[in-house]
């Protein structure tokens, strides 16, 4: 029977959609696509970690590929090659056998096994800052899953129609596309994330507006921000209820979450650490927080790679002083020459620490802490702290000047100083299973901070070992700064283990130039290998300094 001259097809004669032989094959492809998408999410862990640690900036994401010479992408290419080759062989070699269909499915096992080994190896690598499973990362992962599923489904369909002997072998090609799929997922999610960030920022601003009597303090600097924040919070805690941003929460979202989740309406002081990688970042945070008090810890060449010039760094740090509330107070650490220059140029109501108004005398620094006499506005008092290093005495003086102007007396300041404990990963002595003295300075990534760490190491007795990958994000100054780091280490250490290849040449050359024994310079692939090597060169009582273990987006 026909309608309008066209022959009606019987159901059994209907063409199968998408080129699949049977609906069973169709659902098998759906299942394979789903399983592959799930496994690729785990395989993408490193890529997601790098994207997150780079502030969800695609420029930083691709910079990581460049810095690591596309090593991770190369591993994905090898994974795709091995998987596709295994799948192709099981299909082509057994094409004429009745067990062809079965072997096609069995061939997938090779791919899944290769991926499992890849994932396990990735998760066994030591991580300084593991991936944080935030709501944003969850949303990004869901989008990535959908993209991988769709990409796998398309490739399987395409190969089924145009390369039938390849069958499900096309699934082995998906790993090589993962870096691009992550980028695509980011851009799909970006409009919502930008809106969501603005929403959080507005909610945080509304909550701050309700806290009429809250004193808001902004702290910025190229280095020392987290340490100064912790010191100031402890000292001010002798008189005020203090809310402080945790860890290194110094971005708009980090501050917003702290305000919304941790700030109580009866808190009296809010201390906000303010980080920056680009010009305008500090101004943006000031517009959000509207600080009454500003604290500038130091200005150096940290993040020179993103700022471009030293002048841009200086101007960005100065945005804090330029955006204080009316009649706000600005405090400068005059031990730093750039801070001193900004202090002299500032038109804000300003205070200098480590000058004639507020300073420390009779400073004695040992491996157990420091003692000193604190002088503020003609008053003086003896102080003791367990914090290591002369630079921490300078940080304490800066915080003491702020506390004094906020109404704390010298006795209260002294009590706060006595309670100070080291911020994790910032020249903190940590327990060791093999009777070593271990100094954890893993989050110290500045030239000045590294120099301070060498000064602390010098105060210890016995054999001294430094484990470091060097300094990063210094742009054109990277080689020179790491060369100087090598010279500084040569003066105080007996052995040096350099992690990775990124700064090996610069550090090793600096060590040799400084008169260091080349036989005492070692290279490790990662931190885990360096730690495993330690027993070969150390004895109980020796000192080991972990200096700036690189962020995961540099490894």
Foldseek 3Di string as FASTA:
>chain_A
DDDPPDDDDDPVPDDDPLLDPDVVLVVVLLVVLLVLLVLVLLLCQLLLQQCVVVVVDVVSSVVLCVLVVVVSLVVLVVLLVQLLVLLLCLLPVCVPPPCNVVSNVVSVVSSVVSSVVSSVVVVPADAPDGDDPDPLSVQLSVQLSVVSSVVLSNQQSVCVRPVVSSHSSSSSNSSSCSSVSSVVSSVVCVVVVVVVLVVLLVVLLVLLVLLPQAAEEEEEELDDQVVLQQLLQLLLVLPFQEQEQPDQQAASVSSSCSSVPPDDSRGRYYYHYHDDLEAPRVLVVCVRRQHLEYEYLEYDLALCLRHVDSVSRLVRSCSNLVRHHVLGEYEFLVVYPSSVVCQVVGPHNYDYFCDPAWHWPPWDFALQWIWTWIHHRRDIDIATARDHFPSVRSSLRRSVNVSVVVPDDPVSSRVSRHPDADDPQCQHFDDDPQQEGEGRVQADADLVSLLRVLVRLQNADDAEEEEEQAHDSNPPCRLVSLLVSLLSCLVRHQAYEHEDDSHLVSNLNSVVVNVHDNVRYHYDPAPVRVVVCVVVPDHRHYYYYYHHRDHSSSD
